[in-house]
């Protein structure tokens, strides 16, 4: 190793901060986290706020923002609220650095048997969100295995150099079946390319495979 070169290297400092305290918000736990950094540098942390602990119990979907690199976190923002026991699940975000928009995909879980998949869009770094847009038919149209349950992520999507947005999802058959018969698998949702640069808008078609 070149000592002079090694001595000139800066050492990164890692700081830790707590996003959600245990039982914060009068829920049992926060799980299935997602993370995205907006084009302006705002860190957005997403989670299931599980009113009941089970995977198919009542869950809110929540977000916290940090504008100081994760040193502190703003109050919680609700993506979806469980009003009548709805199980909102698997928030998976993706940033479009061309348009500055922030997308979050998620699912409505029906007793671990079926799901509906949706997304919302924010144009102000997660402060406010559009109405939900359903894309269940999109993933069902590519289903070769008779899956009934589709969940985005977990985690986050990516943006390719050509501007295309790519988001993973996974699927399976009903949880009531033995595990060896559920046919677990994965796929991706990606945005179309419009013009010479990828500019996925709310009206821009998405493709699943």
Protein backbone atom coordinates (compact mmCIF):
# COMPACT_ATOMS: atom_id res chain seq x y z
CA UNK A 1 0.00 0.00 0.00
CA UNK A 2 1.19 3.51 -0.81
CA UNK A 3 1.51 5.07 2.67
CA UNK A 4 1.38 8.67 1.50
CA UNK A 5 -1.78 7.93 -0.46
CA UNK A 6 -3.31 6.03 2.45
CA UNK A 7 -2.60 8.92 4.83
CA UNK A 8 -4.36 11.32 2.51
CA UNK A 9 -7.58 9.32 2.55
CA UNK A 10 -10.38 10.77 4.66
CA UNK A 11 -12.12 8.48 7.12
CA UNK A 12 -15.91 8.43 6.93
CA UNK A 13 -17.72 8.98 10.21
CA UNK A 14 -20.90 7.04 10.83
CA UNK A 15 -23.56 8.48 13.12
CA UNK A 16 -26.59 6.61 14.41
CA UNK A 17 -30.01 7.99 15.22
CA UNK A 18 -33.29 6.44 16.31
CA UNK A 19 -36.10 6.85 13.78
CA UNK A 20 -38.90 5.13 15.73
CA UNK A 21 -38.81 4.44 19.45
CA UNK A 22 -40.32 1.14 20.71
CA UNK A 23 -44.14 1.34 20.75
CA UNK A 24 -44.02 4.90 19.42
CA UNK A 25 -47.39 6.05 18.10
CA UNK A 26 -49.39 3.57 20.19
CA UNK A 27 -48.55 0.65 17.92
CA UNK A 28 -46.97 -2.68 18.81
CA UNK A 29 -43.95 -2.28 16.55
CA UNK A 30 -42.50 -0.79 13.36
CA UNK A 31 -41.32 -3.30 10.74
CA UNK A 32 -40.50 -3.77 7.03
CA UNK A 33 -38.50 -0.58 6.57
CA UNK A 34 -37.79 1.27 3.36
CA UNK A 35 -35.42 4.15 2.70
CA UNK A 36 -35.01 6.70 -0.06
CA UNK A 37 -33.05 9.94 -0.53
CA UNK A 38 -34.77 12.57 -2.64
CA UNK A 39 -33.14 14.62 -5.37
CA UNK A 40 -32.90 17.50 -2.86
CA UNK A 41 -31.16 15.30 -0.27
CA UNK A 42 -34.08 14.67 2.10
CA UNK A 43 -33.89 11.22 3.71
CA UNK A 44 -37.29 9.49 3.81
CA UNK A 45 -37.73 6.45 6.06
CA UNK A 46 -40.84 4.31 5.57
CA UNK A 47 -42.29 1.55 7.75
CA UNK A 48 -45.28 -0.55 8.60
CA UNK A 49 -46.66 0.77 11.91
CA UNK A 50 -48.14 -2.48 13.16
CA UNK A 51 -51.17 -1.89 15.38
CA UNK A 52 -51.22 -5.67 15.74
CA UNK A 53 -48.01 -7.61 15.40
CA UNK A 54 -49.09 -10.34 12.93
CA UNK A 55 -48.19 -10.07 9.24
CA UNK A 56 -51.87 -9.83 8.29
CA UNK A 57 -52.96 -7.65 11.23
CA UNK A 58 -53.96 -3.99 11.16
CA UNK A 59 -51.02 -1.86 9.90
CA UNK A 60 -50.61 1.81 9.12
CA UNK A 61 -47.99 2.93 6.59
CA UNK A 62 -45.85 5.77 7.91
CA UNK A 63 -42.97 8.02 6.90
CA UNK A 64 -40.44 10.18 8.70
CA UNK A 65 -38.22 12.76 6.99
CA UNK A 66 -34.76 14.02 7.86
CA UNK A 67 -33.34 17.20 6.33
CA UNK A 68 -30.04 17.10 8.25
CA UNK A 69 -28.56 13.84 6.99
CA UNK A 70 -30.32 11.60 9.50
CA UNK A 71 -29.25 13.43 12.68
CA UNK A 72 -32.88 14.20 13.54
CA UNK A 73 -36.31 13.18 12.28
CA UNK A 74 -39.48 15.15 11.71
CA UNK A 75 -42.90 14.02 13.05
CA UNK A 76 -44.56 11.03 11.44
CA UNK A 77 -46.49 11.39 8.16
CA UNK A 78 -49.17 8.80 7.32
CA UNK A 79 -49.11 7.24 3.86
CA UNK A 80 -52.13 5.05 4.70
CA UNK A 81 -54.14 4.63 7.90
CA UNK A 82 -55.74 1.37 9.00
CA UNK A 83 -59.27 2.60 9.73
CA UNK A 84 -61.20 -0.69 9.64
CA UNK A 85 -58.40 -3.19 10.27
CA UNK A 86 -56.72 -2.82 6.86
CA UNK A 87 -53.29 -4.38 6.58
CA UNK A 88 -51.17 -1.94 4.55
CA UNK A 89 -47.82 -3.56 3.83
CA UNK A 90 -44.30 -3.35 2.36
CA UNK A 91 -43.66 0.34 1.61
CA UNK A 92 -41.02 0.43 -1.12
CA UNK A 93 -39.81 3.82 -2.33
CA UNK A 94 -37.96 5.00 -5.40
CA UNK A 95 -36.65 8.46 -6.32
CA UNK A 96 -36.82 9.90 -9.83
CA UNK A 97 -33.82 12.23 -10.01
CA UNK A 98 -34.95 13.57 -13.38
CA UNK A 99 -38.35 14.89 -12.28
CA UNK A 100 -37.62 15.11 -8.53
CA UNK A 101 -40.63 12.94 -7.76
CA UNK A 102 -40.73 10.34 -5.01
CA UNK A 103 -42.77 7.17 -5.52
CA UNK A 104 -43.81 4.69 -2.84
CA UNK A 105 -45.28 1.31 -3.78
CA UNK A 106 -47.14 -0.82 -1.25
CA UNK A 107 -49.84 -3.47 -0.87
CA UNK A 108 -53.14 -4.13 0.88
CA UNK A 109 -52.85 -7.59 2.40
CA UNK A 110 -56.01 -9.68 2.71
CA UNK A 111 -55.27 -12.33 5.37
CA UNK A 112 -52.07 -13.46 3.60
CA UNK A 113 -54.21 -14.95 0.82
CA UNK A 114 -54.49 -12.11 -1.72
CA UNK A 115 -53.16 -8.56 -2.07
CA UNK A 116 -53.84 -5.40 -4.03
CA UNK A 117 -50.82 -3.32 -5.06
CA UNK A 118 -50.72 0.50 -5.21
CA UNK A 119 -48.40 3.47 -5.42
CA UNK A 120 -48.47 7.15 -4.48
CA UNK A 121 -46.35 10.07 -5.70
CA UNK A 122 -44.91 13.05 -3.81
CA UNK A 123 -43.60 16.21 -5.48
CA UNK A 124 -42.45 17.90 -2.25
CA UNK A 125 -40.00 15.40 -0.74
CA UNK A 126 -42.65 13.36 1.04
CA UNK A 127 -44.58 16.15 2.77
CA UNK A 128 -47.78 15.45 0.82
CA UNK A 129 -48.90 12.56 -1.36
CA UNK A 130 -51.17 11.94 -4.34
CA UNK A 131 -54.20 9.69 -4.29
CA UNK A 132 -53.29 6.02 -4.51
CA UNK A 133 -53.01 4.42 -7.96
CA UNK A 134 -53.69 0.69 -8.23
CA UNK A 135 -51.32 -1.50 -10.26
CA UNK A 136 -52.60 -4.94 -9.25
CA UNK A 137 -53.66 -5.74 -12.80
CA UNK A 138 -50.17 -4.89 -13.98
CA UNK A 139 -48.49 -7.64 -11.95
CA UNK A 140 -51.35 -10.10 -12.34
CA UNK A 141 -51.07 -9.74 -16.09
CA UNK A 142 -47.52 -11.14 -15.95
CA UNK A 143 -48.39 -13.94 -13.52
CA UNK A 144 -47.35 -17.35 -14.88
CA UNK A 145 -47.69 -19.22 -11.59
CA UNK A 146 -51.26 -18.48 -10.39
CA UNK A 147 -49.93 -16.26 -7.63
CA UNK A 148 -52.58 -14.52 -5.54
CA UNK A 149 -50.29 -12.43 -3.34
CA UNK A 150 -47.92 -9.75 -4.64
CA UNK A 151 -45.74 -7.51 -2.44
CA UNK A 152 -43.30 -4.81 -3.56
CA UNK A 153 -39.74 -4.72 -2.25
CA UNK A 154 -38.87 -4.84 0.50
CA UNK A 155 -36.39 -1.97 0.61
CA UNK A 156 -36.25 0.44 -2.32
CA UNK A 157 -36.04 0.63 -6.08
CA UNK A 158 -33.30 2.07 -8.29
CA UNK A 159 -32.98 4.45 -11.23
CA UNK A 160 -30.92 3.38 -14.23
CA UNK A 161 -28.63 5.69 -16.18
CA UNK A 162 -31.22 6.06 -18.93
CA UNK A 163 -33.76 7.35 -16.38
CA UNK A 164 -35.81 4.19 -16.13
CA UNK A 165 -37.16 3.37 -12.66
CA UNK A 166 -36.93 -0.27 -11.55
CA UNK A 167 -38.68 -1.74 -8.54
CA UNK A 168 -38.61 -5.35 -7.28
CA UNK A 169 -41.64 -7.31 -6.12
CA UNK A 170 -42.28 -10.87 -5.03
CA UNK A 171 -45.26 -13.19 -5.25
CA UNK A 172 -46.65 -16.49 -4.09
CA UNK A 173 -49.82 -18.53 -3.80
CA UNK A 174 -52.06 -18.53 -0.74
CA UNK A 175 -50.48 -18.93 2.70
CA UNK A 176 -53.09 -21.61 3.35
CA UNK A 177 -51.15 -23.96 1.07
CA UNK A 178 -48.16 -26.01 2.29
CA UNK A 179 -44.94 -24.03 1.85
CA UNK A 180 -43.65 -26.29 -0.92
CA UNK A 181 -46.78 -25.55 -2.99
CA UNK A 182 -46.75 -21.74 -2.72
CA UNK A 183 -44.34 -21.22 -5.66
CA UNK A 184 -42.45 -18.22 -4.29
CA UNK A 185 -40.84 -16.02 -6.94
CA UNK A 186 -39.74 -12.50 -7.90
CA UNK A 187 -40.35 -9.95 -10.60
CA UNK A 188 -39.74 -6.29 -11.39
CA UNK A 189 -41.87 -3.27 -12.26
CA UNK A 190 -40.18 -0.64 -14.44
CA UNK A 191 -41.15 2.64 -16.04
CA UNK A 192 -41.34 3.34 -19.73
CA UNK A 193 -38.85 5.70 -21.38
CA UNK A 194 -40.39 8.91 -22.70
CA UNK A 195 -38.33 10.83 -25.25
CA UNK A 196 -34.58 10.94 -24.82
CA UNK A 197 -34.78 10.92 -21.00
CA UNK A 198 -36.86 8.83 -18.62
CA UNK A 199 -39.56 11.08 -17.17
CA UNK A 200 -42.11 8.79 -15.48
CA UNK A 201 -45.21 10.79 -14.54
CA UNK A 202 -48.41 9.60 -12.89
CA UNK A 203 -49.76 8.92 -16.38
CA UNK A 204 -46.59 7.18 -17.56
CA UNK A 205 -47.21 3.47 -18.12
CA UNK A 206 -45.37 0.93 -16.00
CA UNK A 207 -44.43 -2.58 -17.11
CA UNK A 208 -44.13 -5.71 -15.00
CA UNK A 209 -42.12 -8.82 -15.73
